[in-house]
PDB file of N, CA and C in Angstrom:
ATOM      1  N   MET A   1      -7.718  13.985  16.673  1.00  0.00           N
ATOM      2  CA  MET A   1      -8.845  12.892  16.714  1.00  0.00           C
ATOM      3  C   MET A   1      -8.468  11.949  17.708  1.00  0.00           C
ATOM      4  N   LYS A   2      -9.655  12.248  18.775  1.00  0.00           N
ATOM      5  CA  LYS A   2      -9.784  11.044  19.993  1.00  0.00           C
ATOM      6  C   LYS A   2     -10.862   9.952  19.455  1.00  0.00           C
ATOM      7  N   ARG A   3      -9.763   8.724  19.834  1.00  0.00           N
ATOM      8  CA  ARG A   3     -10.494   7.501  19.398  1.00  0.00           C
ATOM      9  C   ARG A   3     -11.183   6.767  20.853  1.00  0.00           C
ATOM     10  N   GLU A   4     -12.154   6.528  20.766  1.00  0.00           N
ATOM     11  CA  GLU A   4     -13.171   5.659  22.163  1.00  0.00           C
ATOM     12  C   GLU A   4     -12.724   4.281  22.099  1.00  0.00           C
ATOM     13  N   LEU A   5     -12.261   3.704  23.360  1.00  0.00           N
ATOM     14  CA  LEU A   5     -11.903   2.566  23.092  1.00  0.00           C
ATOM     15  C   LEU A   5     -13.007   1.479  23.023  1.00  0.00           C
ATOM     16  N   LEU A   6     -13.130   0.733  22.808  1.00  0.00           N
ATOM     17  CA  LEU A   6     -14.039  -0.249  22.581  1.00  0.00           C
ATOM     18  C   LEU A   6     -14.220  -1.081  23.948  1.00  0.00           C
ATOM     19  N   GLU A   7     -15.012  -2.193  24.154  1.00  0.00           N
ATOM     20  CA  GLU A   7     -14.818  -3.087  25.323  1.00  0.00           C
ATOM     21  C   GLU A   7     -13.793  -4.194  24.828  1.00  0.00           C
ATOM     22  N   GLY A   8     -13.205  -4.426  25.728  1.00  0.00           N
ATOM     23  CA  GLY A   8     -11.850  -5.805  25.408  1.00  0.00           C
ATOM     24  C   GLY A   8     -10.909  -4.375  24.617  1.00  0.00           C
ATOM     25  N   ASP A   9     -10.816  -3.447  24.022  1.00  0.00           N
ATOM     26  CA  ASP A   9      -9.453  -3.093  23.721  1.00  0.00           C
ATOM     27  C   ASP A   9      -8.624  -2.709  24.674  1.00  0.00           C
ATOM     28  N   ARG A  10      -7.627  -2.584  24.540  1.00  0.00           N
ATOM     29  CA  ARG A  10      -6.132  -2.286  25.150  1.00  0.00           C
ATOM     30  C   ARG A  10      -5.545  -1.455  24.685  1.00  0.00           C
ATOM     31  N   ARG A  11      -4.588  -0.363  25.239  1.00  0.00           N
ATOM     32  CA  ARG A  11      -3.739   0.493  24.729  1.00  0.00           C
ATOM     33  C   ARG A  11      -2.422  -0.470  24.788  1.00  0.00           C
ATOM     34  N   GLY A  12      -1.382   0.370  23.625  1.00  0.00           N
ATOM     35  CA  GLY A  12      -0.587  -0.744  23.355  1.00  0.00           C
ATOM     36  C   GLY A  12       1.062   0.079  23.132  1.00  0.00           C
ATOM     37  N   VAL A  13       2.313  -0.441  23.063  1.00  0.00           N
ATOM     38  CA  VAL A  13       3.306   0.844  22.495  1.00  0.00           C
ATOM     39  C   VAL A  13       4.004   0.079  21.461  1.00  0.00           C
ATOM     40  N   VAL A  14       4.397   0.276  20.712  1.00  0.00           N
ATOM     41  CA  VAL A  14       5.004  -0.629  19.538  1.00  0.00           C
ATOM     42  C   VAL A  14       6.813   0.114  19.352  1.00  0.00           C
ATOM     43  N   SER A  15       7.691  -0.904  19.735  1.00  0.00           N
ATOM     44  CA  SER A  15       9.035  -0.411  19.829  1.00  0.00           C
ATOM     45  C   SER A  15       9.907  -0.976  17.766  1.00  0.00           C
ATOM     46  N   ILE A  16      10.043  -0.058  17.080  1.00  0.00           N
ATOM     47  CA  ILE A  16      10.962  -0.670  15.708  1.00  0.00           C
ATOM     48  C   ILE A  16      12.156  -0.399  16.248  1.00  0.00           C
ATOM     49  N   ARG A  17      13.062  -1.334  15.592  1.00  0.00           N
ATOM     50  CA  ARG A  17      14.466  -2.001  15.756  1.00  0.00           C
ATOM     51  C   ARG A  17      14.759  -2.107  13.988  1.00  0.00           C
ATOM     52  N   GLU A  18      15.758  -1.106  13.370  1.00  0.00           N
ATOM     53  CA  GLU A  18      15.815  -1.348  12.456  1.00  0.00           C
ATOM     54  C   GLU A  18      17.082  -2.661  12.422  1.00  0.00           C
ATOM     55  N   PHE A  19      17.092  -3.205  11.416  1.00  0.00           N
ATOM     56  CA  PHE A  19      18.347  -4.331  11.112  1.00  0.00           C
ATOM     57  C   PHE A  19      18.823  -4.112   9.989  1.00  0.00           C
ATOM     58  N   VAL A  20      20.682  -4.220   9.902  1.00  0.00           N
ATOM     59  CA  VAL A  20      21.489  -4.091   8.570  1.00  0.00           C
ATOM     60  C   VAL A  20      22.190  -5.501   8.756  1.00  0.00           C
ATOM     61  N   PRO A  21      22.631  -5.712   8.008  1.00  0.00           N
ATOM     62  CA  PRO A  21      23.313  -7.074   7.608  1.00  0.00           C
ATOM     63  C   PRO A  21      25.151  -6.673   7.641  1.00  0.00           C
ATOM     64  N   GLU A  22      25.181  -5.184   8.116  1.00  0.00           N
ATOM     65  CA  GLU A  22      26.390  -4.785   8.470  1.00  0.00           C
ATOM     66  C   GLU A  22      27.061  -4.047   9.563  1.00  0.00           C
ATOM     67  N   ARG A  23      27.926  -4.748  10.583  1.00  0.00           N
ATOM     68  CA  ARG A  23      28.020  -4.240  11.884  1.00  0.00           C
ATOM     69  C   ARG A  23      28.373  -2.179  11.675  1.00  0.00           C
ATOM     70  N   ALA A  24      29.475  -2.333  10.674  1.00  0.00           N
ATOM     71  CA  ALA A  24      29.619  -0.789  10.518  1.00  0.00           C
ATOM     72  C   ALA A  24      28.140   0.063  10.290  1.00  0.00           C
ATOM     73  N   VAL A  25      28.008  -0.280   9.853  1.00  0.00           N
ATOM     74  CA  VAL A  25      26.735   0.387   9.442  1.00  0.00           C
ATOM     75  C   VAL A  25      25.557   0.754  10.333  1.00  0.00           C
ATOM     76  N   ALA A  26      25.248  -0.373  11.335  1.00  0.00           N
ATOM     77  CA  ALA A  26      24.563  -0.060  12.442  1.00  0.00           C
ATOM     78  C   ALA A  26      25.181   0.374  13.426  1.00  0.00           C
ATOM     79  N   GLY A  27      26.745   0.719  13.516  1.00  0.00           N
ATOM     80  CA  GLY A  27      27.231   1.960  14.215  1.00  0.00           C
ATOM     81  C   GLY A  27      27.455   3.118  13.713  1.00  0.00           C
ATOM     82  N   VAL A  28      27.316   3.212  12.441  1.00  0.00           N
ATOM     83  CA  VAL A  28      27.331   5.029  12.107  1.00  0.00           C
ATOM     84  C   VAL A  28      25.798   5.042  12.386  1.00  0.00           C
ATOM     85  N   ALA A  29      24.893   4.254  11.900  1.00  0.00           N
ATOM     86  CA  ALA A  29      23.439   4.720  12.216  1.00  0.00           C
ATOM     87  C   ALA A  29      23.044   4.976  13.969  1.00  0.00           C
ATOM     88  N   ARG A  30      23.644   4.693  14.731  1.00  0.00           N
ATOM     89  CA  ARG A  30      23.042   4.586  15.916  1.00  0.00           C
ATOM     90  C   ARG A  30      24.182   5.879  16.420  1.00  0.00           C
ATOM     91  N   ARG A  31      25.722   5.910  16.128  1.00  0.00           N
ATOM     92  CA  ARG A  31      26.237   7.379  16.563  1.00  0.00           C
ATOM     93  C   ARG A  31      25.815   8.511  16.499  1.00  0.00           C
ATOM     94  N   LEU A  32      25.700   8.334  14.462  1.00  0.00           N
ATOM     95  CA  LEU A  32      25.440  10.224  14.171  1.00  0.00           C
ATOM     96  C   LEU A  32      24.221  10.209  14.232  1.00  0.00           C
ATOM     97  N   TYR A  33      23.074   9.238  13.933  1.00  0.00           N
ATOM     98  CA  TYR A  33      21.652   9.803  13.216  1.00  0.00           C
ATOM     99  C   TYR A  33      20.760   9.333  14.572  1.00  0.00           C
ATOM    100  N   GLY A  34      21.628   8.122  15.554  1.00  0.00           N
ATOM    101  CA  GLY A  34      20.722   8.002  16.983  1.00  0.00           C
ATOM    102  C   GLY A  34      19.608   7.335  16.693  1.00  0.00           C
ATOM    103  N   GLU A  35      19.938   6.392  15.459  1.00  0.00           N
ATOM    104  CA  GLU A  35      18.516   5.182  14.815  1.00  0.00           C
ATOM    105  C   GLU A  35      18.936   4.306  15.924  1.00  0.00           C
ATOM    106  N   PRO A  36      17.839   3.484  16.470  1.00  0.00           N
ATOM    107  CA  PRO A  36      17.860   1.688  17.075  1.00  0.00           C
ATOM    108  C   PRO A  36      18.351   1.036  15.855  1.00  0.00           C
ATOM    109  N   CYS A  37      19.379   0.440  15.665  1.00  0.00           N
ATOM    110  CA  CYS A  37      20.208   0.083  14.593  1.00  0.00           C
ATOM    111  C   CYS A  37      21.246  -1.225  15.016  1.00  0.00           C
ATOM    112  N   SER A  38      20.866  -2.389  14.532  1.00  0.00           N
ATOM    113  CA  SER A  38      21.689  -3.381  14.950  1.00  0.00           C
ATOM    114  C   SER A  38      21.506  -4.246  13.697  1.00  0.00           C
ATOM    115  N   SER A  39      22.847  -4.991  13.801  1.00  0.00           N
ATOM    116  CA  SER A  39      23.372  -5.856  12.809  1.00  0.00           C
ATOM    117  C   SER A  39      22.925  -7.011  13.076  1.00  0.00           C
ATOM    118  N   CYS A  40      22.602  -8.383  11.968  1.00  0.00           N
ATOM    119  CA  CYS A  40      22.328  -9.720  12.430  1.00  0.00           C
ATOM    120  C   CYS A  40      22.579 -10.112  10.480  1.00  0.00           C
ATOM    121  N   PRO A  41      23.110 -11.543  10.634  1.00  0.00           N
ATOM    122  CA  PRO A  41      22.894 -11.871   9.577  1.00  0.00           C
ATOM    123  C   PRO A  41      21.374 -11.832   8.558  1.00  0.00           C
ATOM    124  N   MET A  42      21.133 -11.723   7.633  1.00  0.00           N
ATOM    125  CA  MET A  42      20.529 -11.492   6.009  1.00  0.00           C
ATOM    126  C   MET A  42      20.613 -12.301   5.196  1.00  0.00           C
ATOM    127  N   GLY A  43      19.473 -12.385   4.797  1.00  0.00           N
ATOM    128  CA  GLY A  43      19.251 -13.063   3.408  1.00  0.00           C
ATOM    129  C   GLY A  43      17.888 -12.803   2.562  1.00  0.00           C
ATOM    130  N   HIS A  44      17.790 -13.277   1.298  1.00  0.00           N
ATOM    131  CA  HIS A  44      16.705 -12.640   0.730  1.00  0.00           C
ATOM    132  C   HIS A  44      16.745 -13.738  -0.499  1.00  0.00           C
ATOM    133  N   ARG A  45      15.284 -14.026  -1.043  1.00  0.00           N
ATOM    134  CA  ARG A  45      14.961 -15.016  -1.984  1.00  0.00           C
ATOM    135  C   ARG A  45      13.998 -14.229  -2.930  1.00  0.00           C
ATOM    136  N   ILE A  46      14.088 -14.360  -4.080  1.00  0.00           N
ATOM    137  CA  ILE A  46      13.231 -13.430  -5.267  1.00  0.00           C
ATOM    138  C   ILE A  46      12.860 -14.683  -6.584  1.00  0.00           C
ATOM    139  N   GLU A  47      11.878 -15.008  -6.825  1.00  0.00           N
ATOM    140  CA  GLU A  47      11.623 -16.173  -7.916  1.00  0.00           C
ATOM    141  C   GLU A  47      10.749 -15.464  -8.910  1.00  0.00           C
ATOM    142  N   LEU A  48      10.820 -15.100 -10.013  1.00  0.00           N
ATOM    143  CA  LEU A  48      10.258 -14.480 -10.899  1.00  0.00           C
ATOM    144  C   LEU A  48      10.170 -14.863 -12.271  1.00  0.00           C
ATOM    145  N   GLU A  49       8.882 -15.928 -11.889  1.00  0.00           N
ATOM    146  CA  GLU A  49       8.825 -17.258 -13.129  1.00  0.00           C
ATOM    147  C   GLU A  49       7.766 -16.832 -14.067  1.00  0.00           C
ATOM    148  N   PRO A  50       7.612 -16.672 -15.265  1.00  0.00           N
ATOM    149  CA  PRO A  50       6.411 -16.254 -16.178  1.00  0.00           C
ATOM    150  C   PRO A  50       5.169 -16.993 -15.778  1.00  0.00           C
ATOM    151  N   ASP A  51       5.555 -18.311 -15.855  1.00  0.00           N
ATOM    152  CA  ASP A  51       4.049 -19.313 -15.669  1.00  0.00           C
ATOM    153  C   ASP A  51       4.088 -20.072 -14.178  1.00  0.00           C
ATOM    154  N   GLU A  52       4.957 -19.658 -13.442  1.00  0.00           N
ATOM    155  CA  GLU A  52       4.644 -19.999 -11.604  1.00  0.00           C
ATOM    156  C   GLU A  52       3.830 -18.228 -11.062  1.00  0.00           C
ATOM    157  N   PRO A  53       4.087 -18.400  -9.872  1.00  0.00           N
ATOM    158  CA  PRO A  53       3.537 -17.713  -8.988  1.00  0.00           C
ATOM    159  C   PRO A  53       5.034 -16.914  -8.394  1.00  0.00           C
ATOM    160  N   SER A  54       5.136 -15.708  -8.388  1.00  0.00           N
ATOM    161  CA  SER A  54       6.396 -15.367  -7.908  1.00  0.00           C
ATOM    162  C   SER A  54       6.345 -15.324  -6.287  1.00  0.00           C
ATOM    163  N   VAL A  55       7.589 -15.488  -6.131  1.00  0.00           N
ATOM    164  CA  VAL A  55       7.928 -15.551  -4.495  1.00  0.00           C
ATOM    165  C   VAL A  55       9.108 -14.617  -4.295  1.00  0.00           C
ATOM    166  N   VAL A  56       8.614 -13.293  -3.275  1.00  0.00           N
ATOM    167  CA  VAL A  56       9.828 -12.679  -2.115  1.00  0.00           C
ATOM    168  C   VAL A  56       9.722 -12.787  -1.048  1.00  0.00           C
ATOM    169  N   GLU A  57      11.057 -13.066  -0.647  1.00  0.00           N
ATOM    170  CA  GLU A  57      11.256 -13.731   0.979  1.00  0.00           C
ATOM    171  C   GLU A  57      12.598 -12.986   1.187  1.00  0.00           C
ATOM    172  N   TYR A  58      12.513 -12.125   2.786  1.00  0.00           N
ATOM    173  CA  TYR A  58      13.030 -11.506   3.552  1.00  0.00           C
ATOM    174  C   TYR A  58      13.942 -12.628   4.636  1.00  0.00           C
ATOM    175  N   ARG A  59      14.812 -12.920   4.869  1.00  0.00           N
ATOM    176  CA  ARG A  59      14.828 -13.230   6.500  1.00  0.00           C
ATOM    177  C   ARG A  59      16.225 -12.708   6.774  1.00  0.00           C
ATOM    178  N   TRP A  60      16.010 -12.805   8.248  1.00  0.00           N
ATOM    179  CA  TRP A  60      16.807 -12.205   9.124  1.00  0.00           C
ATOM    180  C   TRP A  60      17.303 -12.812  10.625  1.00  0.00           C
ATOM    181  N   LYS A  61      18.274 -13.357  10.961  1.00  0.00           N
ATOM    182  CA  LYS A  61      18.848 -14.326  12.658  1.00  0.00           C
ATOM    183  C   LYS A  61      18.894 -13.198  13.230  1.00  0.00           C
ATOM    184  N   VAL A  62      17.961 -13.562  14.517  1.00  0.00           N
ATOM    185  CA  VAL A  62      18.550 -12.591  15.925  1.00  0.00           C
ATOM    186  C   VAL A  62      17.818 -13.828  17.013  1.00  0.00           C
ATOM    187  N   GLY A  63      18.977 -13.480  17.882  1.00  0.00           N
ATOM    188  CA  GLY A  63      18.880 -14.435  18.918  1.00  0.00           C
ATOM    189  C   GLY A  63      19.140 -16.102  18.567  1.00  0.00           C
ATOM    190  N   GLY A  64      19.477 -15.911  17.702  1.00  0.00           N
ATOM    191  CA  GLY A  64      19.830 -17.796  17.245  1.00  0.00           C
ATOM    192  C   GLY A  64      19.057 -18.327  16.287  1.00  0.00           C
ATOM    193  N   ALA A  65      18.227 -17.756  16.182  1.00  0.00           N
ATOM    194  CA  ALA A  65      16.792 -18.019  15.659  1.00  0.00           C
ATOM    195  C   ALA A  65      16.353 -17.304  14.272  1.00  0.00           C
ATOM    196  N   TRP A  66      16.311 -17.995  12.952  1.00  0.00           N
ATOM    197  CA  TRP A  66      15.568 -17.525  11.724  1.00  0.00           C
ATOM    198  C   TRP A  66      14.440 -16.848  12.073  1.00  0.00           C
ATOM    199  N   HIS A  67      14.253 -15.499  11.153  1.00  0.00           N
ATOM    200  CA  HIS A  67      12.886 -15.013  11.343  1.00  0.00           C
ATOM    201  C   HIS A  67      12.491 -14.592   9.358  1.00  0.00           C
ATOM    202  N   ALA A  68      11.261 -14.329   9.116  1.00  0.00           N
ATOM    203  CA  ALA A  68      10.973 -14.326   7.447  1.00  0.00           C
ATOM    204  C   ALA A  68      10.148 -13.687   7.218  1.00  0.00           C
ATOM    205  N   VAL A  69       9.585 -13.051   6.311  1.00  0.00           N
ATOM    206  CA  VAL A  69       8.892 -12.217   5.948  1.00  0.00           C
ATOM    207  C   VAL A  69       8.840 -12.657   4.352  1.00  0.00           C
ATOM    208  N   ARG A  70       7.704 -13.522   4.160  1.00  0.00           N
ATOM    209  CA  ARG A  70       7.151 -14.314   2.531  1.00  0.00           C
ATOM    210  C   ARG A  70       5.926 -13.880   1.768  1.00  0.00           C
ATOM    211  N   ALA A  71       6.320 -12.889   0.701  1.00  0.00           N
ATOM    212  CA  ALA A  71       4.934 -12.995   0.004  1.00  0.00           C
ATOM    213  C   ALA A  71       4.954 -13.783  -1.911  1.00  0.00           C
ATOM    214  N   GLU A  72       3.742 -14.279  -1.585  1.00  0.00           N
ATOM    215  CA  GLU A  72       3.775 -15.246  -2.990  1.00  0.00           C
ATOM    216  C   GLU A  72       2.754 -14.762  -3.957  1.00  0.00           C
TER     217      GLU A  72
END
């Protein structure tokens, strides 16, 4: 299916890198499977309270800065 570009639209490329908390896992994924995998410090927080909003957060540290995805 061909998509027509609208005025102001631009084409782009998305690169995806997989992050794992263990260096050994990243090494095996790269060498055996050719996966673009890197290791970095990671953490998560899951709060499931019956009378409060639930919170799920995943975080990782890349380039000296912490990044996170959070859902409430």
